[in-house]
């Protein structure tokens, strides 16, 4: 068994739990996918792209992703100030995991929601 030490609380010493502690949260996977597909984005663009998220919640999720080394926040000293978000190398490394989770969801969850007729 591998004992993991994380900078924030984990529920168990399980490697899956370690991964989930970084990506859990209603909007984190969506943010990661948007940054993967669209590239570097400003906060306002993320707000427009993610339907249903509040500015407060998006800020919270982005701070947590930044804390965990998944997202880079770059501030420009302009007037008005400009802030951009992009994936770090660590953030890019989770994409295959999210892709596998998405494929599982299509095969095991969406299939139950959408009735498939074979003709």
PDB file of N, CA and C in Angstrom:
ATOM      1  N   UNK A   1       0.844  -1.170   0.000  1.00  0.00           N
ATOM      2  CA  UNK A   1       0.000   0.000   0.000  1.00  0.00           C
ATOM      3  C   UNK A   1       0.894   1.240   0.000  1.00  0.00           C
ATOM      4  N   UNK A   2       0.490   2.225  -0.811  1.00  0.00           N
ATOM      5  CA  UNK A   2       1.240   3.477  -0.894  1.00  0.00           C
ATOM      6  C   UNK A   2       0.544   4.504  -0.026  1.00  0.00           C
ATOM      7  N   UNK A   3       1.249   5.073   0.925  1.00  0.00           N
ATOM      8  CA  UNK A   3       0.704   6.130   1.775  1.00  0.00           C
ATOM      9  C   UNK A   3       1.038   7.459   1.137  1.00  0.00           C
ATOM     10  N   UNK A   4       0.020   8.245   0.889  1.00  0.00           N
ATOM     11  CA  UNK A   4       0.204   9.530   0.221  1.00  0.00           C
ATOM     12  C   UNK A   4       0.095  10.674   1.209  1.00  0.00           C
ATOM     13  N   UNK A   5       0.902  11.674   1.008  1.00  0.00           N
ATOM     14  CA  UNK A   5       0.818  12.880   1.805  1.00  0.00           C
ATOM     15  C   UNK A   5       0.406  14.005   0.877  1.00  0.00           C
ATOM     16  N   UNK A   6      -0.721  14.624   1.169  1.00  0.00           N
ATOM     17  CA  UNK A   6      -1.259  15.676   0.321  1.00  0.00           C
ATOM     18  C   UNK A   6      -1.262  16.991   1.097  1.00  0.00           C
ATOM     19  N   UNK A   7      -1.141  18.119   0.369  1.00  0.00           N
ATOM     20  CA  UNK A   7      -1.168  19.407   1.044  1.00  0.00           C
ATOM     21  C   UNK A   7      -2.543  19.752   1.607  1.00  0.00           C
ATOM     22  N   UNK A   8      -3.575  19.055   1.196  1.00  0.00           N
ATOM     23  CA  UNK A   8      -4.915  19.259   1.745  1.00  0.00           C
ATOM     24  C   UNK A   8      -5.491  17.913   2.132  1.00  0.00           C
ATOM     25  N   UNK A   9      -6.570  17.930   2.857  1.00  0.00           N
ATOM     26  CA  UNK A   9      -7.109  16.713   3.474  1.00  0.00           C
ATOM     27  C   UNK A   9      -7.620  15.707   2.448  1.00  0.00           C
ATOM     28  N   UNK A  10      -7.250  14.453   2.677  1.00  0.00           N
ATOM     29  CA  UNK A  10      -7.800  13.333   1.926  1.00  0.00           C
ATOM     30  C   UNK A  10      -8.604  12.503   2.919  1.00  0.00           C
ATOM     31  N   UNK A  11      -9.594  11.788   2.388  1.00  0.00           N
ATOM     32  CA  UNK A  11     -10.409  10.954   3.261  1.00  0.00           C
ATOM     33  C   UNK A  11      -9.688   9.660   3.632  1.00  0.00           C
ATOM     34  N   UNK A  12      -8.891   9.129   2.723  1.00  0.00           N
ATOM     35  CA  UNK A  12      -8.203   7.853   2.924  1.00  0.00           C
ATOM     36  C   UNK A  12      -6.812   7.943   2.301  1.00  0.00           C
ATOM     37  N   UNK A  13      -6.064   6.877   2.432  1.00  0.00           N
ATOM     38  CA  UNK A  13      -4.740   6.841   1.806  1.00  0.00           C
ATOM     39  C   UNK A  13      -4.818   6.128   0.455  1.00  0.00           C
ATOM     40  N   UNK A  14      -5.886   6.325  -0.263  1.00  0.00           N
ATOM     41  CA  UNK A  14      -6.142   5.685  -1.554  1.00  0.00           C
ATOM     42  C   UNK A  14      -5.741   6.630  -2.683  1.00  0.00           C
ATOM     43  N   UNK A  15      -5.060   6.109  -3.683  1.00  0.00           N
ATOM     44  CA  UNK A  15      -4.618   6.935  -4.806  1.00  0.00           C
ATOM     45  C   UNK A  15      -5.799   7.504  -5.591  1.00  0.00           C
ATOM     46  N   UNK A  16      -6.892   6.766  -5.675  1.00  0.00           N
ATOM     47  CA  UNK A  16      -8.082   7.286  -6.358  1.00  0.00           C
ATOM     48  C   UNK A  16      -8.631   8.475  -5.580  1.00  0.00           C
ATOM     49  N   UNK A  17      -8.651   8.367  -4.264  1.00  0.00           N
ATOM     50  CA  UNK A  17      -9.118   9.470  -3.424  1.00  0.00           C
ATOM     51  C   UNK A  17      -8.227  10.696  -3.592  1.00  0.00           C
ATOM     52  N   UNK A  18      -6.931  10.466  -3.763  1.00  0.00           N
ATOM     53  CA  UNK A  18      -6.005  11.574  -3.977  1.00  0.00           C
ATOM     54  C   UNK A  18      -6.347  12.316  -5.265  1.00  0.00           C
ATOM     55  N   UNK A  19      -6.629  11.562  -6.320  1.00  0.00           N
ATOM     56  CA  UNK A  19      -7.012  12.165  -7.595  1.00  0.00           C
ATOM     57  C   UNK A  19      -8.330  12.900  -7.459  1.00  0.00           C
ATOM     58  N   UNK A  20      -9.302  12.264  -6.856  1.00  0.00           N
ATOM     59  CA  UNK A  20     -10.625  12.880  -6.710  1.00  0.00           C
ATOM     60  C   UNK A  20     -10.563  14.142  -5.856  1.00  0.00           C
ATOM     61  N   UNK A  21      -9.665  14.193  -4.883  1.00  0.00           N
ATOM     62  CA  UNK A  21      -9.572  15.388  -4.042  1.00  0.00           C
ATOM     63  C   UNK A  21      -9.151  16.608  -4.855  1.00  0.00           C
ATOM     64  N   UNK A  22      -8.495  16.385  -5.981  1.00  0.00           N
ATOM     65  CA  UNK A  22      -8.075  17.488  -6.841  1.00  0.00           C
ATOM     66  C   UNK A  22      -9.172  17.882  -7.820  1.00  0.00           C
ATOM     67  N   UNK A  23      -9.922  16.922  -8.350  1.00  0.00           N
ATOM     68  CA  UNK A  23     -10.904  17.244  -9.399  1.00  0.00           C
ATOM     69  C   UNK A  23     -12.344  17.279  -8.910  1.00  0.00           C
ATOM     70  N   UNK A  24     -12.579  16.900  -7.633  1.00  0.00           N
ATOM     71  CA  UNK A  24     -13.966  16.937  -7.168  1.00  0.00           C
ATOM     72  C   UNK A  24     -14.426  18.377  -7.009  1.00  0.00           C
ATOM     73  N   UNK A  25     -15.683  18.573  -7.198  1.00  0.00           N
ATOM     74  CA  UNK A  25     -16.263  19.905  -7.188  1.00  0.00           C
ATOM     75  C   UNK A  25     -17.132  20.044  -8.422  1.00  0.00           C
ATOM     76  N   UNK A  26     -18.243  20.690  -8.288  1.00  0.00           N
ATOM     77  CA  UNK A  26     -19.241  20.756  -9.356  1.00  0.00           C
ATOM     78  C   UNK A  26     -18.691  21.288 -10.673  1.00  0.00           C
ATOM     79  N   UNK A  27     -17.743  22.213 -10.632  1.00  0.00           N
ATOM     80  CA  UNK A  27     -17.325  22.896 -11.858  1.00  0.00           C
ATOM     81  C   UNK A  27     -15.879  22.637 -12.267  1.00  0.00           C
ATOM     82  N   UNK A  28     -15.107  21.933 -11.471  1.00  0.00           N
ATOM     83  CA  UNK A  28     -13.678  21.766 -11.776  1.00  0.00           C
ATOM     84  C   UNK A  28     -13.430  21.020 -13.080  1.00  0.00           C
ATOM     85  N   UNK A  29     -14.116  19.912 -13.285  1.00  0.00           N
ATOM     86  CA  UNK A  29     -13.911  19.155 -14.521  1.00  0.00           C
ATOM     87  C   UNK A  29     -14.337  19.983 -15.728  1.00  0.00           C
ATOM     88  N   UNK A  30     -15.404  20.754 -15.577  1.00  0.00           N
ATOM     89  CA  UNK A  30     -15.870  21.611 -16.672  1.00  0.00           C
ATOM     90  C   UNK A  30     -14.807  22.667 -16.992  1.00  0.00           C
ATOM     91  N   UNK A  31     -14.252  23.292 -15.963  1.00  0.00           N
ATOM     92  CA  UNK A  31     -13.193  24.295 -16.160  1.00  0.00           C
ATOM     93  C   UNK A  31     -12.006  23.663 -16.872  1.00  0.00           C
ATOM     94  N   UNK A  32     -11.579  22.499 -16.409  1.00  0.00           N
ATOM     95  CA  UNK A  32     -10.439  21.824 -17.031  1.00  0.00           C
ATOM     96  C   UNK A  32     -10.721  21.497 -18.494  1.00  0.00           C
ATOM     97  N   UNK A  33     -11.908  21.022 -18.783  1.00  0.00           N
ATOM     98  CA  UNK A  33     -12.263  20.701 -20.177  1.00  0.00           C
ATOM     99  C   UNK A  33     -12.325  21.952 -21.047  1.00  0.00           C
ATOM    100  N   UNK A  34     -12.877  23.041 -20.519  1.00  0.00           N
ATOM    101  CA  UNK A  34     -12.939  24.294 -21.288  1.00  0.00           C
ATOM    102  C   UNK A  34     -11.539  24.801 -21.598  1.00  0.00           C
ATOM    103  N   UNK A  35     -10.653  24.776 -20.605  1.00  0.00           N
ATOM    104  CA  UNK A  35      -9.278  25.235 -20.829  1.00  0.00           C
ATOM    105  C   UNK A  35      -8.536  24.306 -21.780  1.00  0.00           C
ATOM    106  N   UNK A  36      -8.877  23.018 -21.754  1.00  0.00           N
ATOM    107  CA  UNK A  36      -8.251  22.062 -22.671  1.00  0.00           C
ATOM    108  C   UNK A  36      -8.678  22.349 -24.110  1.00  0.00           C
ATOM    109  N   UNK A  37      -9.966  22.573 -24.319  1.00  0.00           N
ATOM    110  CA  UNK A  37     -10.466  22.730 -25.683  1.00  0.00           C
ATOM    111  C   UNK A  37     -10.303  24.142 -26.232  1.00  0.00           C
ATOM    112  N   UNK A  38     -10.417  25.139 -25.372  1.00  0.00           N
ATOM    113  CA  UNK A  38     -10.377  26.533 -25.829  1.00  0.00           C
ATOM    114  C   UNK A  38      -9.025  27.201 -25.613  1.00  0.00           C
ATOM    115  N   UNK A  39      -8.172  26.605 -24.780  1.00  0.00           N
ATOM    116  CA  UNK A  39      -6.884  27.228 -24.468  1.00  0.00           C
ATOM    117  C   UNK A  39      -7.038  28.279 -23.371  1.00  0.00           C
ATOM    118  N   UNK A  40      -6.105  29.194 -23.306  1.00  0.00           N
ATOM    119  CA  UNK A  40      -6.107  30.237 -22.291  1.00  0.00           C
ATOM    120  C   UNK A  40      -7.388  31.051 -22.375  1.00  0.00           C
ATOM    121  N   UNK A  41      -7.993  31.297 -21.202  1.00  0.00           N
ATOM    122  CA  UNK A  41      -9.261  32.031 -21.171  1.00  0.00           C
ATOM    123  C   UNK A  41      -9.273  33.054 -20.044  1.00  0.00           C
ATOM    124  N   UNK A  42      -9.968  34.151 -20.291  1.00  0.00           N
ATOM    125  CA  UNK A  42     -10.200  35.147 -19.252  1.00  0.00           C
ATOM    126  C   UNK A  42     -11.372  34.700 -18.393  1.00  0.00           C
ATOM    127  N   UNK A  43     -11.435  35.247 -17.191  1.00  0.00           N
ATOM    128  CA  UNK A  43     -12.505  34.891 -16.257  1.00  0.00           C
ATOM    129  C   UNK A  43     -13.876  35.107 -16.897  1.00  0.00           C
ATOM    130  N   UNK A  44     -14.066  36.247 -17.531  1.00  0.00           N
ATOM    131  CA  UNK A  44     -15.372  36.564 -18.126  1.00  0.00           C
ATOM    132  C   UNK A  44     -15.744  35.572 -19.221  1.00  0.00           C
ATOM    133  N   UNK A  45     -14.759  35.094 -19.963  1.00  0.00           N
ATOM    134  CA  UNK A  45     -15.042  34.098 -21.003  1.00  0.00           C
ATOM    135  C   UNK A  45     -15.432  32.755 -20.387  1.00  0.00           C
ATOM    136  N   UNK A  46     -14.770  32.389 -19.297  1.00  0.00           N
ATOM    137  CA  UNK A  46     -15.146  31.168 -18.596  1.00  0.00           C
ATOM    138  C   UNK A  46     -16.581  31.276 -18.076  1.00  0.00           C
ATOM    139  N   UNK A  47     -16.942  32.432 -17.533  1.00  0.00           N
ATOM    140  CA  UNK A  47     -18.301  32.646 -17.034  1.00  0.00           C
ATOM    141  C   UNK A  47     -19.325  32.442 -18.152  1.00  0.00           C
ATOM    142  N   UNK A  48     -19.029  32.970 -19.331  1.00  0.00           N
ATOM    143  CA  UNK A  48     -19.952  32.839 -20.462  1.00  0.00           C
ATOM    144  C   UNK A  48     -20.042  31.396 -20.954  1.00  0.00           C
ATOM    145  N   UNK A  49     -18.940  30.678 -20.889  1.00  0.00           N
ATOM    146  CA  UNK A  49     -18.880  29.309 -21.401  1.00  0.00           C
ATOM    147  C   UNK A  49     -19.523  28.282 -20.467  1.00  0.00           C
ATOM    148  N   UNK A  50     -19.545  28.590 -19.172  1.00  0.00           N
ATOM    149  CA  UNK A  50     -20.026  27.608 -18.191  1.00  0.00           C
ATOM    150  C   UNK A  50     -21.387  28.059 -17.669  1.00  0.00           C
ATOM    151  N   UNK A  51     -22.416  27.536 -18.274  1.00  0.00           N
ATOM    152  CA  UNK A  51     -23.776  27.914 -17.923  1.00  0.00           C
ATOM    153  C   UNK A  51     -24.133  27.439 -16.516  1.00  0.00           C
ATOM    154  N   UNK A  52     -24.648  28.348 -15.706  1.00  0.00           N
ATOM    155  CA  UNK A  52     -25.131  27.989 -14.379  1.00  0.00           C
ATOM    156  C   UNK A  52     -24.169  28.240 -13.242  1.00  0.00           C
ATOM    157  N   UNK A  53     -22.911  28.540 -13.525  1.00  0.00           N
ATOM    158  CA  UNK A  53     -21.946  28.788 -12.454  1.00  0.00           C
ATOM    159  C   UNK A  53     -22.036  30.251 -12.025  1.00  0.00           C
ATOM    160  N   UNK A  54     -21.926  30.485 -10.714  1.00  0.00           N
ATOM    161  CA  UNK A  54     -21.921  31.855 -10.210  1.00  0.00           C
ATOM    162  C   UNK A  54     -20.478  32.369 -10.197  1.00  0.00           C
ATOM    163  N   UNK A  55     -20.284  33.690 -10.264  1.00  0.00           N
ATOM    164  CA  UNK A  55     -18.916  34.225 -10.197  1.00  0.00           C
ATOM    165  C   UNK A  55     -18.179  33.793  -8.932  1.00  0.00           C
ATOM    166  N   UNK A  56     -18.889  33.763  -7.818  1.00  0.00           N
ATOM    167  CA  UNK A  56     -18.270  33.364  -6.544  1.00  0.00           C
ATOM    168  C   UNK A  56     -17.789  31.910  -6.593  1.00  0.00           C
ATOM    169  N   UNK A  57     -18.628  31.026  -7.122  1.00  0.00           N
ATOM    170  CA  UNK A  57     -18.268  29.608  -7.188  1.00  0.00           C
ATOM    171  C   UNK A  57     -17.142  29.372  -8.190  1.00  0.00           C
ATOM    172  N   UNK A  58     -17.192  30.049  -9.330  1.00  0.00           N
ATOM    173  CA  UNK A  58     -16.118  29.895 -10.316  1.00  0.00           C
ATOM    174  C   UNK A  58     -14.792  30.361  -9.724  1.00  0.00           C
ATOM    175  N   UNK A  59     -14.812  31.484  -9.019  1.00  0.00           N
ATOM    176  CA  UNK A  59     -13.599  31.987  -8.365  1.00  0.00           C
ATOM    177  C   UNK A  59     -13.060  30.965  -7.376  1.00  0.00           C
ATOM    178  N   UNK A  60     -13.935  30.383  -6.568  1.00  0.00           N
ATOM    179  CA  UNK A  60     -13.532  29.373  -5.579  1.00  0.00           C
ATOM    180  C   UNK A  60     -12.903  28.158  -6.262  1.00  0.00           C
ATOM    181  N   UNK A  61     -13.553  27.656  -7.306  1.00  0.00           N
ATOM    182  CA  UNK A  61     -13.049  26.470  -7.996  1.00  0.00           C
ATOM    183  C   UNK A  61     -11.712  26.759  -8.678  1.00  0.00           C
ATOM    184  N   UNK A  62     -11.574  27.941  -9.281  1.00  0.00           N
ATOM    185  CA  UNK A  62     -10.307  28.319  -9.927  1.00  0.00           C
ATOM    186  C   UNK A  62      -9.185  28.443  -8.899  1.00  0.00           C
ATOM    187  N   UNK A  63      -9.480  29.007  -7.734  1.00  0.00           N
ATOM    188  CA  UNK A  63      -8.460  29.119  -6.676  1.00  0.00           C
ATOM    189  C   UNK A  63      -7.993  27.747  -6.218  1.00  0.00           C
ATOM    190  N   UNK A  64      -8.924  26.816  -6.077  1.00  0.00           N
ATOM    191  CA  UNK A  64      -8.557  25.458  -5.669  1.00  0.00           C
ATOM    192  C   UNK A  64      -7.735  24.765  -6.749  1.00  0.00           C
ATOM    193  N   UNK A  65      -8.117  24.922  -8.012  1.00  0.00           N
ATOM    194  CA  UNK A  65      -7.340  24.329  -9.105  1.00  0.00           C
ATOM    195  C   UNK A  65      -5.947  24.948  -9.183  1.00  0.00           C
ATOM    196  N   UNK A  66      -5.860  26.234  -8.926  1.00  0.00           N
ATOM    197  CA  UNK A  66      -4.549  26.901  -8.906  1.00  0.00           C
ATOM    198  C   UNK A  66      -3.710  26.388  -7.736  1.00  0.00           C
ATOM    199  N   UNK A  67      -4.318  26.272  -6.576  1.00  0.00           N
ATOM    200  CA  UNK A  67      -3.632  25.760  -5.384  1.00  0.00           C
ATOM    201  C   UNK A  67      -3.068  24.362  -5.628  1.00  0.00           C
ATOM    202  N   UNK A  68      -3.813  23.549  -6.376  1.00  0.00           N
ATOM    203  CA  UNK A  68      -3.397  22.171  -6.640  1.00  0.00           C
ATOM    204  C   UNK A  68      -2.486  22.038  -7.857  1.00  0.00           C
ATOM    205  N   UNK A  69      -2.094  23.173  -8.444  1.00  0.00           N
ATOM    206  CA  UNK A  69      -1.141  23.148  -9.548  1.00  0.00           C
ATOM    207  C   UNK A  69      -1.727  22.729 -10.876  1.00  0.00           C
ATOM    208  N   UNK A  70      -3.050  22.785 -11.009  1.00  0.00           N
ATOM    209  CA  UNK A  70      -3.704  22.372 -12.243  1.00  0.00           C
ATOM    210  C   UNK A  70      -3.884  23.530 -13.222  1.00  0.00           C
ATOM    211  N   UNK A  71      -4.042  24.722 -12.686  1.00  0.00           N
ATOM    212  CA  UNK A  71      -4.339  25.911 -13.481  1.00  0.00           C
ATOM    213  C   UNK A  71      -3.350  27.009 -13.119  1.00  0.00           C
ATOM    214  N   UNK A  72      -2.928  27.730 -14.142  1.00  0.00           N
ATOM    215  CA  UNK A  72      -2.049  28.880 -13.952  1.00  0.00           C
ATOM    216  C   UNK A  72      -2.883  30.142 -14.092  1.00  0.00           C
ATOM    217  N   UNK A  73      -2.761  31.035 -13.133  1.00  0.00           N
ATOM    218  CA  UNK A  73      -3.452  32.327 -13.162  1.00  0.00           C
ATOM    219  C   UNK A  73      -2.411  33.394 -13.470  1.00  0.00           C
ATOM    220  N   UNK A  74      -2.628  34.088 -14.562  1.00  0.00           N
ATOM    221  CA  UNK A  74      -1.685  35.141 -14.960  1.00  0.00           C
ATOM    222  C   UNK A  74      -2.410  36.482 -14.936  1.00  0.00           C
ATOM    223  N   UNK A  75      -1.852  37.415 -14.158  1.00  0.00           N
ATOM    224  CA  UNK A  75      -2.435  38.742 -14.022  1.00  0.00           C
ATOM    225  C   UNK A  75      -1.597  39.737 -14.806  1.00  0.00           C
ATOM    226  N   UNK A  76      -2.268  40.551 -15.596  1.00  0.00           N
ATOM    227  CA  UNK A  76      -1.605  41.604 -16.376  1.00  0.00           C
ATOM    228  C   UNK A  76      -1.857  42.940 -15.699  1.00  0.00           C
ATOM    229  N   UNK A  77      -0.811  43.735 -15.565  1.00  0.00           N
ATOM    230  CA  UNK A  77      -0.946  45.044 -14.930  1.00  0.00           C
ATOM    231  C   UNK A  77      -1.389  46.067 -15.958  1.00  0.00           C
ATOM    232  N   UNK A  78      -2.655  45.997 -16.274  1.00  0.00           N
ATOM    233  CA  UNK A  78      -3.281  46.903 -17.225  1.00  0.00           C
ATOM    234  C   UNK A  78      -4.462  47.565 -16.530  1.00  0.00           C
ATOM    235  N   UNK A  79      -5.002  48.568 -17.178  1.00  0.00           N
ATOM    236  CA  UNK A  79      -6.218  49.183 -16.681  1.00  0.00           C
ATOM    237  C   UNK A  79      -7.259  49.058 -17.778  1.00  0.00           C
ATOM    238  N   UNK A  80      -8.336  48.328 -17.555  1.00  0.00           N
ATOM    239  CA  UNK A  80      -8.640  47.535 -16.359  1.00  0.00           C
ATOM    240  C   UNK A  80      -7.755  46.290 -16.292  1.00  0.00           C
ATOM    241  N   UNK A  81      -7.570  45.755 -15.085  1.00  0.00           N
ATOM    242  CA  UNK A  81      -6.722  44.569 -14.930  1.00  0.00           C
ATOM    243  C   UNK A  81      -7.275  43.396 -15.734  1.00  0.00           C
ATOM    244  N   UNK A  82      -6.377  42.586 -16.252  1.00  0.00           N
ATOM    245  CA  UNK A  82      -6.762  41.404 -17.032  1.00  0.00           C
ATOM    246  C   UNK A  82      -6.152  40.183 -16.364  1.00  0.00           C
ATOM    247  N   UNK A  83      -6.971  39.157 -16.211  1.00  0.00           N
ATOM    248  CA  UNK A  83      -6.530  37.896 -15.615  1.00  0.00           C
ATOM    249  C   UNK A  83      -6.865  36.783 -16.591  1.00  0.00           C
ATOM    250  N   UNK A  84      -5.886  35.922 -16.856  1.00  0.00           N
ATOM    251  CA  UNK A  84      -6.092  34.790 -17.754  1.00  0.00           C
ATOM    252  C   UNK A  84      -5.754  33.494 -17.029  1.00  0.00           C
ATOM    253  N   UNK A  85      -6.460  32.446 -17.412  1.00  0.00           N
ATOM    254  CA  UNK A  85      -6.257  31.116 -16.842  1.00  0.00           C
ATOM    255  C   UNK A  85      -5.871  30.145 -17.944  1.00  0.00           C
ATOM    256  N   UNK A  86      -4.935  29.259 -17.622  1.00  0.00           N
ATOM    257  CA  UNK A  86      -4.522  28.231 -18.566  1.00  0.00           C
ATOM    258  C   UNK A  86      -4.150  26.978 -17.785  1.00  0.00           C
ATOM    259  N   UNK A  87      -4.089  25.865 -18.492  1.00  0.00           N
ATOM    260  CA  UNK A  87      -3.685  24.608 -17.858  1.00  0.00           C
ATOM    261  C   UNK A  87      -2.180  24.576 -17.678  1.00  0.00           C
ATOM    262  N   UNK A  88      -1.745  24.049 -16.567  1.00  0.00           N
ATOM    263  CA  UNK A  88      -0.330  23.778 -16.347  1.00  0.00           C
ATOM    264  C   UNK A  88      -0.025  22.409 -16.942  1.00  0.00           C
ATOM    265  N   UNK A  89       1.221  22.000 -16.900  1.00  0.00           N
ATOM    266  CA  UNK A  89       1.565  20.647 -17.333  1.00  0.00           C
ATOM    267  C   UNK A  89       0.826  19.614 -16.517  1.00  0.00           C
ATOM    268  N   UNK A  90       0.710  19.865 -15.232  1.00  0.00           N
ATOM    269  CA  UNK A  90      -0.027  18.955 -14.356  1.00  0.00           C
ATOM    270  C   UNK A  90      -1.506  18.921 -14.739  1.00  0.00           C
ATOM    271  N   UNK A  91      -2.063  20.082 -15.073  1.00  0.00           N
ATOM    272  CA  UNK A  91      -3.456  20.149 -15.507  1.00  0.00           C
ATOM    273  C   UNK A  91      -3.678  19.383 -16.794  1.00  0.00           C
ATOM    274  N   UNK A  92      -2.734  19.500 -17.725  1.00  0.00           N
ATOM    275  CA  UNK A  92      -2.846  18.770 -18.990  1.00  0.00           C
ATOM    276  C   UNK A  92      -2.738  17.264 -18.768  1.00  0.00           C
ATOM    277  N   UNK A  93      -2.003  16.862 -17.745  1.00  0.00           N
ATOM    278  CA  UNK A  93      -1.807  15.432 -17.501  1.00  0.00           C
ATOM    279  C   UNK A  93      -3.076  14.729 -17.017  1.00  0.00           C
ATOM    280  N   UNK A  94      -4.078  15.475 -16.548  1.00  0.00           N
ATOM    281  CA  UNK A  94      -5.324  14.858 -16.073  1.00  0.00           C
ATOM    282  C   UNK A  94      -6.318  14.629 -17.209  1.00  0.00           C
ATOM    283  N   UNK A  95      -6.071  15.207 -18.369  1.00  0.00           N
ATOM    284  CA  UNK A  95      -7.015  15.111 -19.487  1.00  0.00           C
ATOM    285  C   UNK A  95      -7.324  13.662 -19.880  1.00  0.00           C
ATOM    286  N   UNK A  96      -6.325  12.772 -19.989  1.00  0.00           N
ATOM    287  CA  UNK A  96      -6.674  11.369 -20.309  1.00  0.00           C
ATOM    288  C   UNK A  96      -7.575  10.731 -19.249  1.00  0.00           C
ATOM    289  N   UNK A  97      -7.408  11.118 -18.008  1.00  0.00           N
ATOM    290  CA  UNK A  97      -8.256  10.593 -16.929  1.00  0.00           C
ATOM    291  C   UNK A  97      -9.689  11.086 -17.114  1.00  0.00           C
ATOM    292  N   UNK A  98      -9.847  12.391 -17.389  1.00  0.00           N
ATOM    293  CA  UNK A  98     -11.179  12.951 -17.607  1.00  0.00           C
ATOM    294  C   UNK A  98     -11.827  12.349 -18.857  1.00  0.00           C
ATOM    295  N   UNK A  99     -11.032  12.097 -19.873  1.00  0.00           N
ATOM    296  CA  UNK A  99     -11.550  11.463 -21.095  1.00  0.00           C
ATOM    297  C   UNK A  99     -12.060  10.064 -20.790  1.00  0.00           C
ATOM    298  N   UNK A 100     -11.313   9.311 -19.999  1.00  0.00           N
ATOM    299  CA  UNK A 100     -11.749   7.955 -19.620  1.00  0.00           C
ATOM    300  C   UNK A 100     -13.030   8.005 -18.797  1.00  0.00           C
ATOM    301  N   UNK A 101     -13.135   8.970 -17.887  1.00  0.00           N
ATOM    302  CA  UNK A 101     -14.355   9.124 -17.087  1.00  0.00           C
ATOM    303  C   UNK A 101     -15.533   9.463 -17.995  1.00  0.00           C
ATOM    304  N   UNK A 102     -15.306  10.354 -18.971  1.00  0.00           N
ATOM    305  CA  UNK A 102     -16.371  10.730 -19.914  1.00  0.00           C
ATOM    306  C   UNK A 102     -16.821   9.522 -20.728  1.00  0.00           C
ATOM    307  N   UNK A 103     -15.884   8.720 -21.198  1.00  0.00           N
ATOM    308  CA  UNK A 103     -16.237   7.530 -21.974  1.00  0.00           C
ATOM    309  C   UNK A 103     -17.044   6.551 -21.129  1.00  0.00           C
ATOM    310  N   UNK A 104     -16.668   6.401 -19.877  1.00  0.00           N
ATOM    311  CA  UNK A 104     -17.423   5.532 -18.979  1.00  0.00           C
ATOM    312  C   UNK A 104     -18.835   6.071 -18.802  1.00  0.00           C
ATOM    313  N   UNK A 105     -18.973   7.386 -18.649  1.00  0.00           N
ATOM    314  CA  UNK A 105     -20.289   7.999 -18.491  1.00  0.00           C
ATOM    315  C   UNK A 105     -21.180   7.783 -19.703  1.00  0.00           C
ATOM    316  N   UNK A 106     -20.606   7.901 -20.893  1.00  0.00           N
ATOM    317  CA  UNK A 106     -21.379   7.666 -22.116  1.00  0.00           C
ATOM    318  C   UNK A 106     -21.845   6.212 -22.171  1.00  0.00           C
ATOM    319  N   UNK A 107     -20.975   5.287 -21.820  1.00  0.00           N
ATOM    320  CA  UNK A 107     -21.297   3.863 -21.900  1.00  0.00           C
ATOM    321  C   UNK A 107     -22.221   3.382 -20.791  1.00  0.00           C
ATOM    322  N   UNK A 108     -22.125   3.987 -19.612  1.00  0.00           N
ATOM    323  CA  UNK A 108     -22.825   3.432 -18.457  1.00  0.00           C
ATOM    324  C   UNK A 108     -23.918   4.306 -17.861  1.00  0.00           C
ATOM    325  N   UNK A 109     -23.900   5.584 -18.132  1.00  0.00           N
ATOM    326  CA  UNK A 109     -24.908   6.468 -17.557  1.00  0.00           C
ATOM    327  C   UNK A 109     -25.824   7.012 -18.641  1.00  0.00           C
ATOM    328  N   UNK A 110     -25.257   7.611 -19.660  1.00  0.00           N
ATOM    329  CA  UNK A 110     -26.073   8.192 -20.719  1.00  0.00           C
ATOM    330  C   UNK A 110     -26.877   7.130 -21.466  1.00  0.00           C
ATOM    331  N   UNK A 111     -26.327   5.948 -21.564  1.00  0.00           N
ATOM    332  CA  UNK A 111     -27.027   4.859 -22.245  1.00  0.00           C
ATOM    333  C   UNK A 111     -28.338   4.552 -21.516  1.00  0.00           C
ATOM    334  N   UNK A 112     -28.347   4.696 -20.186  1.00  0.00           N
ATOM    335  CA  UNK A 112     -29.557   4.451 -19.413  1.00  0.00           C
ATOM    336  C   UNK A 112     -30.567   5.592 -19.563  1.00  0.00           C
ATOM    337  N   UNK A 113     -30.076   6.798 -19.799  1.00  0.00           N
ATOM    338  CA  UNK A 113     -30.946   7.962 -19.938  1.00  0.00           C
ATOM    339  C   UNK A 113     -31.553   8.016 -21.330  1.00  0.00           C
ATOM    340  N   UNK A 114     -30.760   7.727 -22.344  1.00  0.00           N
ATOM    341  CA  UNK A 114     -31.211   7.788 -23.716  1.00  0.00           C
ATOM    342  C   UNK A 114     -31.454   6.367 -24.186  1.00  0.00           C
ATOM    343  N   UNK A 115     -32.671   6.092 -24.572  1.00  0.00           N
ATOM    344  CA  UNK A 115     -32.985   4.760 -25.064  1.00  0.00           C
ATOM    345  C   UNK A 115     -32.409   4.591 -26.450  1.00  0.00           C
ATOM    346  N   UNK A 116     -31.665   3.530 -26.659  1.00  0.00           N
ATOM    347  CA  UNK A 116     -31.015   3.277 -27.940  1.00  0.00           C
ATOM    348  C   UNK A 116     -31.769   2.171 -28.662  1.00  0.00           C
ATOM    349  N   UNK A 117     -32.180   2.465 -29.891  1.00  0.00           N
ATOM    350  CA  UNK A 117     -32.903   1.492 -30.702  1.00  0.00           C
ATOM    351  C   UNK A 117     -31.977   0.961 -31.770  1.00  0.00           C
ATOM    352  N   UNK A 118     -31.787  -0.333 -31.796  1.00  0.00           N
ATOM    353  CA  UNK A 118     -31.014  -0.963 -32.858  1.00  0.00           C
ATOM    354  C   UNK A 118     -31.980  -1.355 -33.972  1.00  0.00           C
ATOM    355  N   UNK A 119     -31.708  -0.909 -35.180  1.00  0.00           N
ATOM    356  CA  UNK A 119     -32.596  -1.231 -36.301  1.00  0.00           C
ATOM    357  C   UNK A 119     -31.910  -2.169 -37.256  1.00  0.00           C
TER     358      UNK A 119
END
